[in-house]
Amino acid sequence: MLPEEVGEFDSAWRGALSRAAETLDLDEVYQVLDDWHSIALLTRADPTAHRRMLQAARRVLAGEAIPTVPRAEIDALIQERLGR
């Protein structure tokens, strides 16, 4: 996870623990760990790409139009990289 995401993780973690203490159900705790484990793996693989994704998400949520690539182009690129 990126340093700027630590607060978000901490909030999710503390909230899940608090609710688990009330309900005696650890499902949400496990879900938070699973979600953030996935984020940690993606971040470790390419922190720069993860930051770009977060920036793009913020822009979209703010209503800003961002450049996109048509699905067919993405599919073609994947097939090319797979050598198909």
PDB file of N, CA and C in Angstrom:
ATOM      1  N   MET A   1       0.850  -1.170   0.000  1.00  0.00           N
ATOM      2  CA  MET A   1       0.000   0.000   0.000  1.00  0.00           C
ATOM      3  C   MET A   1       0.889   1.225   0.000  1.00  0.00           C
ATOM      4  N   LEU A   2       0.384   2.272  -0.565  1.00  0.00           N
ATOM      5  CA  LEU A   2       1.125   3.532  -0.631  1.00  0.00           C
ATOM      6  C   LEU A   2       1.006   4.274   0.698  1.00  0.00           C
ATOM      7  N   PRO A   3       2.005   5.074   1.037  1.00  0.00           N
ATOM      8  CA  PRO A   3       1.924   5.829   2.290  1.00  0.00           C
ATOM      9  C   PRO A   3       0.646   6.663   2.401  1.00  0.00           C
ATOM     10  N   GLU A   4       0.196   7.205   1.279  1.00  0.00           N
ATOM     11  CA  GLU A   4      -1.016   8.027   1.326  1.00  0.00           C
ATOM     12  C   GLU A   4      -2.292   7.212   1.542  1.00  0.00           C
ATOM     13  N   GLU A   5      -2.197   5.887   1.496  1.00  0.00           N
ATOM     14  CA  GLU A   5      -3.363   5.030   1.730  1.00  0.00           C
ATOM     15  C   GLU A   5      -3.431   4.495   3.153  1.00  0.00           C
ATOM     16  N   VAL A   6      -2.407   4.744   3.941  1.00  0.00           N
ATOM     17  CA  VAL A   6      -2.343   4.183   5.297  1.00  0.00           C
ATOM     18  C   VAL A   6      -3.537   4.625   6.132  1.00  0.00           C
ATOM     19  N   GLY A   7      -3.913   5.888   6.047  1.00  0.00           N
ATOM     20  CA  GLY A   7      -5.058   6.381   6.814  1.00  0.00           C
ATOM     21  C   GLY A   7      -6.354   5.682   6.431  1.00  0.00           C
ATOM     22  N   GLU A   8      -6.530   5.445   5.142  1.00  0.00           N
ATOM     23  CA  GLU A   8      -7.743   4.758   4.676  1.00  0.00           C
ATOM     24  C   GLU A   8      -7.771   3.314   5.186  1.00  0.00           C
ATOM     25  N   PHE A   9      -6.618   2.642   5.116  1.00  0.00           N
ATOM     26  CA  PHE A   9      -6.544   1.280   5.655  1.00  0.00           C
ATOM     27  C   PHE A   9      -6.836   1.285   7.147  1.00  0.00           C
ATOM     28  N   ASP A  10      -6.185   2.184   7.873  1.00  0.00           N
ATOM     29  CA  ASP A  10      -6.354   2.245   9.322  1.00  0.00           C
ATOM     30  C   ASP A  10      -7.811   2.451   9.696  1.00  0.00           C
ATOM     31  N   SER A  11      -8.493   3.328   8.976  1.00  0.00           N
ATOM     32  CA  SER A  11      -9.903   3.590   9.245  1.00  0.00           C
ATOM     33  C   SER A  11     -10.756   2.344   8.987  1.00  0.00           C
ATOM     34  N   ALA A  12     -10.510   1.677   7.858  1.00  0.00           N
ATOM     35  CA  ALA A  12     -11.264   0.463   7.535  1.00  0.00           C
ATOM     36  C   ALA A  12     -10.983  -0.629   8.566  1.00  0.00           C
ATOM     37  N   TRP A  13      -9.718  -0.773   8.947  1.00  0.00           N
ATOM     38  CA  TRP A  13      -9.307  -1.797   9.906  1.00  0.00           C
ATOM     39  C   TRP A  13      -9.948  -1.561  11.276  1.00  0.00           C
ATOM     40  N   ARG A  14      -9.848  -0.329  11.760  1.00  0.00           N
ATOM     41  CA  ARG A  14     -10.415  -0.011  13.078  1.00  0.00           C
ATOM     42  C   ARG A  14     -11.935  -0.160  13.082  1.00  0.00           C
ATOM     43  N   GLY A  15     -12.563   0.264  11.992  1.00  0.00           N
ATOM     44  CA  GLY A  15     -14.019   0.109  11.903  1.00  0.00           C
ATOM     45  C   GLY A  15     -14.442  -1.346  11.917  1.00  0.00           C
ATOM     46  N   ALA A  16     -13.723  -2.174  11.151  1.00  0.00           N
ATOM     47  CA  ALA A  16     -14.045  -3.603  11.106  1.00  0.00           C
ATOM     48  C   ALA A  16     -13.827  -4.251  12.469  1.00  0.00           C
ATOM     49  N   LEU A  17     -12.730  -3.894  13.143  1.00  0.00           N
ATOM     50  CA  LEU A  17     -12.474  -4.451  14.474  1.00  0.00           C
ATOM     51  C   LEU A  17     -13.541  -4.032  15.475  1.00  0.00           C
ATOM     52  N   SER A  18     -13.945  -2.782  15.392  1.00  0.00           N
ATOM     53  CA  SER A  18     -14.969  -2.278  16.300  1.00  0.00           C
ATOM     54  C   SER A  18     -16.294  -3.014  16.110  1.00  0.00           C
ATOM     55  N   ARG A  19     -16.686  -3.161  14.839  1.00  0.00           N
ATOM     56  CA  ARG A  19     -17.945  -3.866  14.565  1.00  0.00           C
ATOM     57  C   ARG A  19     -17.839  -5.345  14.946  1.00  0.00           C
ATOM     58  N   ALA A  20     -16.674  -5.937  14.759  1.00  0.00           N
ATOM     59  CA  ALA A  20     -16.474  -7.342  15.141  1.00  0.00           C
ATOM     60  C   ALA A  20     -16.587  -7.516  16.651  1.00  0.00           C
ATOM     61  N   ALA A  21     -16.090  -6.538  17.398  1.00  0.00           N
ATOM     62  CA  ALA A  21     -16.189  -6.614  18.852  1.00  0.00           C
ATOM     63  C   ALA A  21     -17.650  -6.582  19.307  1.00  0.00           C
ATOM     64  N   GLU A  22     -18.477  -5.851  18.559  1.00  0.00           N
ATOM     65  CA  GLU A  22     -19.899  -5.768  18.901  1.00  0.00           C
ATOM     66  C   GLU A  22     -20.683  -7.008  18.463  1.00  0.00           C
ATOM     67  N   THR A  23     -20.362  -7.502  17.275  1.00  0.00           N
ATOM     68  CA  THR A  23     -21.148  -8.600  16.701  1.00  0.00           C
ATOM     69  C   THR A  23     -20.543  -9.975  16.924  1.00  0.00           C
ATOM     70  N   LEU A  24     -19.277 -10.025  17.341  1.00  0.00           N
ATOM     71  CA  LEU A  24     -18.528 -11.277  17.482  1.00  0.00           C
ATOM     72  C   LEU A  24     -18.453 -12.035  16.157  1.00  0.00           C
ATOM     73  N   ASP A  25     -18.430 -11.267  15.066  1.00  0.00           N
ATOM     74  CA  ASP A  25     -18.348 -11.828  13.710  1.00  0.00           C
ATOM     75  C   ASP A  25     -17.118 -11.239  13.029  1.00  0.00           C
ATOM     76  N   LEU A  26     -16.197 -12.101  12.623  1.00  0.00           N
ATOM     77  CA  LEU A  26     -14.947 -11.642  12.025  1.00  0.00           C
ATOM     78  C   LEU A  26     -14.987 -11.526  10.505  1.00  0.00           C
ATOM     79  N   ASP A  27     -16.125 -11.767   9.880  1.00  0.00           N
ATOM     80  CA  ASP A  27     -16.205 -11.726   8.417  1.00  0.00           C
ATOM     81  C   ASP A  27     -15.695 -10.398   7.845  1.00  0.00           C
ATOM     82  N   GLU A  28     -16.112  -9.283   8.425  1.00  0.00           N
ATOM     83  CA  GLU A  28     -15.693  -7.991   7.903  1.00  0.00           C
ATOM     84  C   GLU A  28     -14.193  -7.774   8.106  1.00  0.00           C
ATOM     85  N   VAL A  29     -13.640  -8.248   9.209  1.00  0.00           N
ATOM     86  CA  VAL A  29     -12.202  -8.137   9.457  1.00  0.00           C
ATOM     87  C   VAL A  29     -11.444  -8.881   8.366  1.00  0.00           C
ATOM     88  N   TYR A  30     -11.876 -10.100   8.081  1.00  0.00           N
ATOM     89  CA  TYR A  30     -11.225 -10.886   7.026  1.00  0.00           C
ATOM     90  C   TYR A  30     -11.373 -10.214   5.664  1.00  0.00           C
ATOM     91  N   GLN A  31     -12.518  -9.603   5.416  1.00  0.00           N
ATOM     92  CA  GLN A  31     -12.740  -8.925   4.134  1.00  0.00           C
ATOM     93  C   GLN A  31     -11.804  -7.730   3.980  1.00  0.00           C
ATOM     94  N   VAL A  32     -11.637  -6.950   5.040  1.00  0.00           N
ATOM     95  CA  VAL A  32     -10.716  -5.803   4.995  1.00  0.00           C
ATOM     96  C   VAL A  32      -9.297  -6.299   4.703  1.00  0.00           C
ATOM     97  N   LEU A  33      -8.874  -7.352   5.398  1.00  0.00           N
ATOM     98  CA  LEU A  33      -7.540  -7.901   5.154  1.00  0.00           C
ATOM     99  C   LEU A  33      -7.390  -8.397   3.723  1.00  0.00           C
ATOM    100  N   ASP A  34      -8.397  -9.071   3.219  1.00  0.00           N
ATOM    101  CA  ASP A  34      -8.348  -9.588   1.847  1.00  0.00           C
ATOM    102  C   ASP A  34      -8.281  -8.446   0.836  1.00  0.00           C
ATOM    103  N   ASP A  35      -9.116  -7.440   1.020  1.00  0.00           N
ATOM    104  CA  ASP A  35      -9.126  -6.291   0.105  1.00  0.00           C
ATOM    105  C   ASP A  35      -7.773  -5.596   0.092  1.00  0.00           C
ATOM    106  N   TRP A  36      -7.237  -5.321   1.262  1.00  0.00           N
ATOM    107  CA  TRP A  36      -5.983  -4.583   1.343  1.00  0.00           C
ATOM    108  C   TRP A  36      -4.788  -5.433   0.966  1.00  0.00           C
ATOM    109  N   HIS A  37      -4.890  -6.732   1.131  1.00  0.00           N
ATOM    110  CA  HIS A  37      -3.818  -7.615   0.663  1.00  0.00           C
ATOM    111  C   HIS A  37      -3.716  -7.506  -0.861  1.00  0.00           C
ATOM    112  N   SER A  38      -4.847  -7.508  -1.539  1.00  0.00           N
ATOM    113  CA  SER A  38      -4.862  -7.353  -2.999  1.00  0.00           C
ATOM    114  C   SER A  38      -4.250  -6.020  -3.407  1.00  0.00           C
ATOM    115  N   ILE A  39      -4.618  -4.964  -2.704  1.00  0.00           N
ATOM    116  CA  ILE A  39      -4.074  -3.637  -3.005  1.00  0.00           C
ATOM    117  C   ILE A  39      -2.564  -3.632  -2.779  1.00  0.00           C
ATOM    118  N   ALA A  40      -2.116  -4.256  -1.697  1.00  0.00           N
ATOM    119  CA  ALA A  40      -0.679  -4.307  -1.406  1.00  0.00           C
ATOM    120  C   ALA A  40       0.085  -5.035  -2.505  1.00  0.00           C
ATOM    121  N   LEU A  41      -0.466  -6.129  -3.013  1.00  0.00           N
ATOM    122  CA  LEU A  41       0.201  -6.877  -4.080  1.00  0.00           C
ATOM    123  C   LEU A  41       0.311  -6.038  -5.350  1.00  0.00           C
ATOM    124  N   LEU A  42      -0.767  -5.354  -5.720  1.00  0.00           N
ATOM    125  CA  LEU A  42      -0.744  -4.505  -6.905  1.00  0.00           C
ATOM    126  C   LEU A  42       0.237  -3.354  -6.740  1.00  0.00           C
ATOM    127  N   THR A  43       0.257  -2.771  -5.564  1.00  0.00           N
ATOM    128  CA  THR A  43       1.146  -1.645  -5.304  1.00  0.00           C
ATOM    129  C   THR A  43       2.605  -2.082  -5.352  1.00  0.00           C
ATOM    130  N   ARG A  44       2.889  -3.226  -4.753  1.00  0.00           N
ATOM    131  CA  ARG A  44       4.270  -3.720  -4.745  1.00  0.00           C
ATOM    132  C   ARG A  44       4.745  -4.018  -6.164  1.00  0.00           C
ATOM    133  N   ALA A  45       3.844  -4.529  -6.995  1.00  0.00           N
ATOM    134  CA  ALA A  45       4.208  -4.868  -8.371  1.00  0.00           C
ATOM    135  C   ALA A  45       4.556  -3.618  -9.178  1.00  0.00           C
ATOM    136  N   ASP A  46       3.813  -2.524  -8.970  1.00  0.00           N
ATOM    137  CA  ASP A  46       4.067  -1.303  -9.738  1.00  0.00           C
ATOM    138  C   ASP A  46       3.463  -0.098  -9.009  1.00  0.00           C
ATOM    139  N   PRO A  47       4.194   0.469  -8.052  1.00  0.00           N
ATOM    140  CA  PRO A  47       3.658   1.592  -7.285  1.00  0.00           C
ATOM    141  C   PRO A  47       3.279   2.795  -8.146  1.00  0.00           C
ATOM    142  N   THR A  48       4.027   3.030  -9.215  1.00  0.00           N
ATOM    143  CA  THR A  48       3.728   4.164 -10.090  1.00  0.00           C
ATOM    144  C   THR A  48       2.389   3.969 -10.790  1.00  0.00           C
ATOM    145  N   ALA A  49       2.142   2.771 -11.284  1.00  0.00           N
ATOM    146  CA  ALA A  49       0.862   2.480 -11.936  1.00  0.00           C
ATOM    147  C   ALA A  49      -0.288   2.594 -10.942  1.00  0.00           C
ATOM    148  N   HIS A  50      -0.065   2.164  -9.715  1.00  0.00           N
ATOM    149  CA  HIS A  50      -1.112   2.260  -8.690  1.00  0.00           C
ATOM    150  C   HIS A  50      -1.442   3.726  -8.405  1.00  0.00           C
ATOM    151  N   ARG A  51      -0.410   4.563  -8.322  1.00  0.00           N
ATOM    152  CA  ARG A  51      -0.644   5.997  -8.106  1.00  0.00           C
ATOM    153  C   ARG A  51      -1.419   6.611  -9.281  1.00  0.00           C
ATOM    154  N   ARG A  52      -1.052   6.216 -10.510  1.00  0.00           N
ATOM    155  CA  ARG A  52      -1.778   6.737 -11.687  1.00  0.00           C
ATOM    156  C   ARG A  52      -3.243   6.328 -11.632  1.00  0.00           C
ATOM    157  N   MET A  53      -3.511   5.080 -11.228  1.00  0.00           N
ATOM    158  CA  MET A  53      -4.894   4.612 -11.129  1.00  0.00           C
ATOM    159  C   MET A  53      -5.659   5.422 -10.090  1.00  0.00           C
ATOM    160  N   LEU A  54      -5.035   5.675  -8.939  1.00  0.00           N
ATOM    161  CA  LEU A  54      -5.693   6.466  -7.899  1.00  0.00           C
ATOM    162  C   LEU A  54      -5.981   7.886  -8.379  1.00  0.00           C
ATOM    163  N   GLN A  55      -5.026   8.478  -9.094  1.00  0.00           N
ATOM    164  CA  GLN A  55      -5.234   9.828  -9.634  1.00  0.00           C
ATOM    165  C   GLN A  55      -6.377   9.840 -10.647  1.00  0.00           C
ATOM    166  N   ALA A  56      -6.418   8.829 -11.520  1.00  0.00           N
ATOM    167  CA  ALA A  56      -7.500   8.747 -12.507  1.00  0.00           C
ATOM    168  C   ALA A  56      -8.847   8.568 -11.812  1.00  0.00           C
ATOM    169  N   ALA A  57      -8.886   7.737 -10.781  1.00  0.00           N
ATOM    170  CA  ALA A  57     -10.141   7.521 -10.043  1.00  0.00           C
ATOM    171  C   ALA A  57     -10.616   8.817  -9.395  1.00  0.00           C
ATOM    172  N   ARG A  58      -9.686   9.580  -8.795  1.00  0.00           N
ATOM    173  CA  ARG A  58     -10.067  10.859  -8.189  1.00  0.00           C
ATOM    174  C   ARG A  58     -10.636  11.814  -9.231  1.00  0.00           C
ATOM    175  N   ARG A  59     -10.016  11.823 -10.402  1.00  0.00           N
ATOM    176  CA  ARG A  59     -10.484  12.716 -11.466  1.00  0.00           C
ATOM    177  C   ARG A  59     -11.884  12.313 -11.930  1.00  0.00           C
ATOM    178  N   VAL A  60     -12.110  11.020 -12.101  1.00  0.00           N
ATOM    179  CA  VAL A  60     -13.431  10.535 -12.526  1.00  0.00           C
ATOM    180  C   VAL A  60     -14.476  10.871 -11.465  1.00  0.00           C
ATOM    181  N   LEU A  61     -14.156  10.609 -10.199  1.00  0.00           N
ATOM    182  CA  LEU A  61     -15.106  10.899  -9.119  1.00  0.00           C
ATOM    183  C   LEU A  61     -15.398  12.389  -8.993  1.00  0.00           C
ATOM    184  N   ALA A  62     -14.453  13.224  -9.418  1.00  0.00           N
ATOM    185  CA  ALA A  62     -14.661  14.676  -9.401  1.00  0.00           C
ATOM    186  C   ALA A  62     -15.444  15.151 -10.623  1.00  0.00           C
ATOM    187  N   GLY A  63     -15.801  14.217 -11.507  1.00  0.00           N
ATOM    188  CA  GLY A  63     -16.585  14.579 -12.686  1.00  0.00           C
ATOM    189  C   GLY A  63     -15.759  15.002 -13.877  1.00  0.00           C
ATOM    190  N   GLU A  64     -14.466  14.863 -13.777  1.00  0.00           N
ATOM    191  CA  GLU A  64     -13.577  15.259 -14.874  1.00  0.00           C
ATOM    192  C   GLU A  64     -13.549  14.164 -15.942  1.00  0.00           C
ATOM    193  N   ALA A  65     -13.580  14.592 -17.178  1.00  0.00           N
ATOM    194  CA  ALA A  65     -13.466  13.631 -18.284  1.00  0.00           C
ATOM    195  C   ALA A  65     -11.992  13.275 -18.456  1.00  0.00           C
ATOM    196  N   ILE A  66     -11.724  11.996 -18.540  1.00  0.00           N
ATOM    197  CA  ILE A  66     -10.339  11.570 -18.750  1.00  0.00           C
ATOM    198  C   ILE A  66     -10.277  10.745 -20.031  1.00  0.00           C
ATOM    199  N   PRO A  67      -9.138  10.740 -20.695  1.00  0.00           N
ATOM    200  CA  PRO A  67      -9.016   9.966 -21.926  1.00  0.00           C
ATOM    201  C   PRO A  67      -9.218   8.480 -21.650  1.00  0.00           C
ATOM    202  N   THR A  68      -9.891   7.818 -22.557  1.00  0.00           N
ATOM    203  CA  THR A  68     -10.111   6.378 -22.426  1.00  0.00           C
ATOM    204  C   THR A  68      -9.676   5.683 -23.705  1.00  0.00           C
ATOM    205  N   VAL A  69      -9.581   4.368 -23.618  1.00  0.00           N
ATOM    206  CA  VAL A  69      -9.225   3.548 -24.761  1.00  0.00           C
ATOM    207  C   VAL A  69     -10.384   2.584 -25.000  1.00  0.00           C
ATOM    208  N   PRO A  70     -10.847   2.463 -26.248  1.00  0.00           N
ATOM    209  CA  PRO A  70     -11.959   1.548 -26.524  1.00  0.00           C
ATOM    210  C   PRO A  70     -11.613   0.105 -26.147  1.00  0.00           C
ATOM    211  N   ARG A  71     -12.607  -0.620 -25.706  1.00  0.00           N
ATOM    212  CA  ARG A  71     -12.433  -2.014 -25.271  1.00  0.00           C
ATOM    213  C   ARG A  71     -11.767  -2.854 -26.354  1.00  0.00           C
ATOM    214  N   ALA A  72     -12.150  -2.653 -27.600  1.00  0.00           N
ATOM    215  CA  ALA A  72     -11.578  -3.447 -28.691  1.00  0.00           C
ATOM    216  C   ALA A  72     -10.061  -3.251 -28.783  1.00  0.00           C
ATOM    217  N   GLU A  73      -9.591  -2.022 -28.534  1.00  0.00           N
ATOM    218  CA  GLU A  73      -8.153  -1.770 -28.565  1.00  0.00           C
ATOM    219  C   GLU A  73      -7.437  -2.482 -27.419  1.00  0.00           C
ATOM    220  N   ILE A  74      -8.042  -2.477 -26.262  1.00  0.00           N
ATOM    221  CA  ILE A  74      -7.466  -3.172 -25.107  1.00  0.00           C
ATOM    222  C   ILE A  74      -7.399  -4.667 -25.396  1.00  0.00           C
ATOM    223  N   ASP A  75      -8.502  -5.231 -25.901  1.00  0.00           N
ATOM    224  CA  ASP A  75      -8.528  -6.660 -26.229  1.00  0.00           C
ATOM    225  C   ASP A  75      -7.455  -7.007 -27.259  1.00  0.00           C
ATOM    226  N   ALA A  76      -7.295  -6.176 -28.280  1.00  0.00           N
ATOM    227  CA  ALA A  76      -6.285  -6.418 -29.315  1.00  0.00           C
ATOM    228  C   ALA A  76      -4.878  -6.367 -28.721  1.00  0.00           C
ATOM    229  N   LEU A  77      -4.638  -5.416 -27.831  1.00  0.00           N
ATOM    230  CA  LEU A  77      -3.329  -5.306 -27.192  1.00  0.00           C
ATOM    231  C   LEU A  77      -3.033  -6.535 -26.337  1.00  0.00           C
ATOM    232  N   ILE A  78      -4.022  -6.994 -25.612  1.00  0.00           N
ATOM    233  CA  ILE A  78      -3.842  -8.205 -24.799  1.00  0.00           C
ATOM    234  C   ILE A  78      -3.509  -9.390 -25.689  1.00  0.00           C
ATOM    235  N   GLN A  79      -4.264  -9.554 -26.757  1.00  0.00           N
ATOM    236  CA  GLN A  79      -4.016 -10.667 -27.672  1.00  0.00           C
ATOM    237  C   GLN A  79      -2.621 -10.585 -28.293  1.00  0.00           C
ATOM    238  N   GLU A  80      -2.206  -9.379 -28.641  1.00  0.00           N
ATOM    239  CA  GLU A  80      -0.870  -9.164 -29.216  1.00  0.00           C
ATOM    240  C   GLU A  80       0.210  -9.561 -28.220  1.00  0.00           C
ATOM    241  N   ARG A  81       0.043  -9.124 -26.981  1.00  0.00           N
ATOM    242  CA  ARG A  81       1.038  -9.434 -25.946  1.00  0.00           C
ATOM    243  C   ARG A  81       1.057 -10.915 -25.615  1.00  0.00           C
ATOM    244  N   LEU A  82      -0.055 -11.576 -25.792  1.00  0.00           N
ATOM    245  CA  LEU A  82      -0.115 -13.017 -25.558  1.00  0.00           C
ATOM    246  C   LEU A  82       0.393 -13.805 -26.772  1.00  0.00           C
ATOM    247  N   GLY A  83       0.663 -13.086 -27.854  1.00  0.00           N
ATOM    248  CA  GLY A  83       1.177 -13.728 -29.057  1.00  0.00           C
ATOM    249  C   GLY A  83       0.124 -14.482 -29.840  1.00  0.00           C
ATOM    250  N   ARG A  84      -1.092 -14.010 -29.761  1.00  0.00           N
ATOM    251  CA  ARG A  84      -2.200 -14.679 -30.462  1.00  0.00           C
ATOM    252  C   ARG A  84      -2.613 -13.910 -31.690  1.00  0.00           C
TER     253      ARG A  84
END
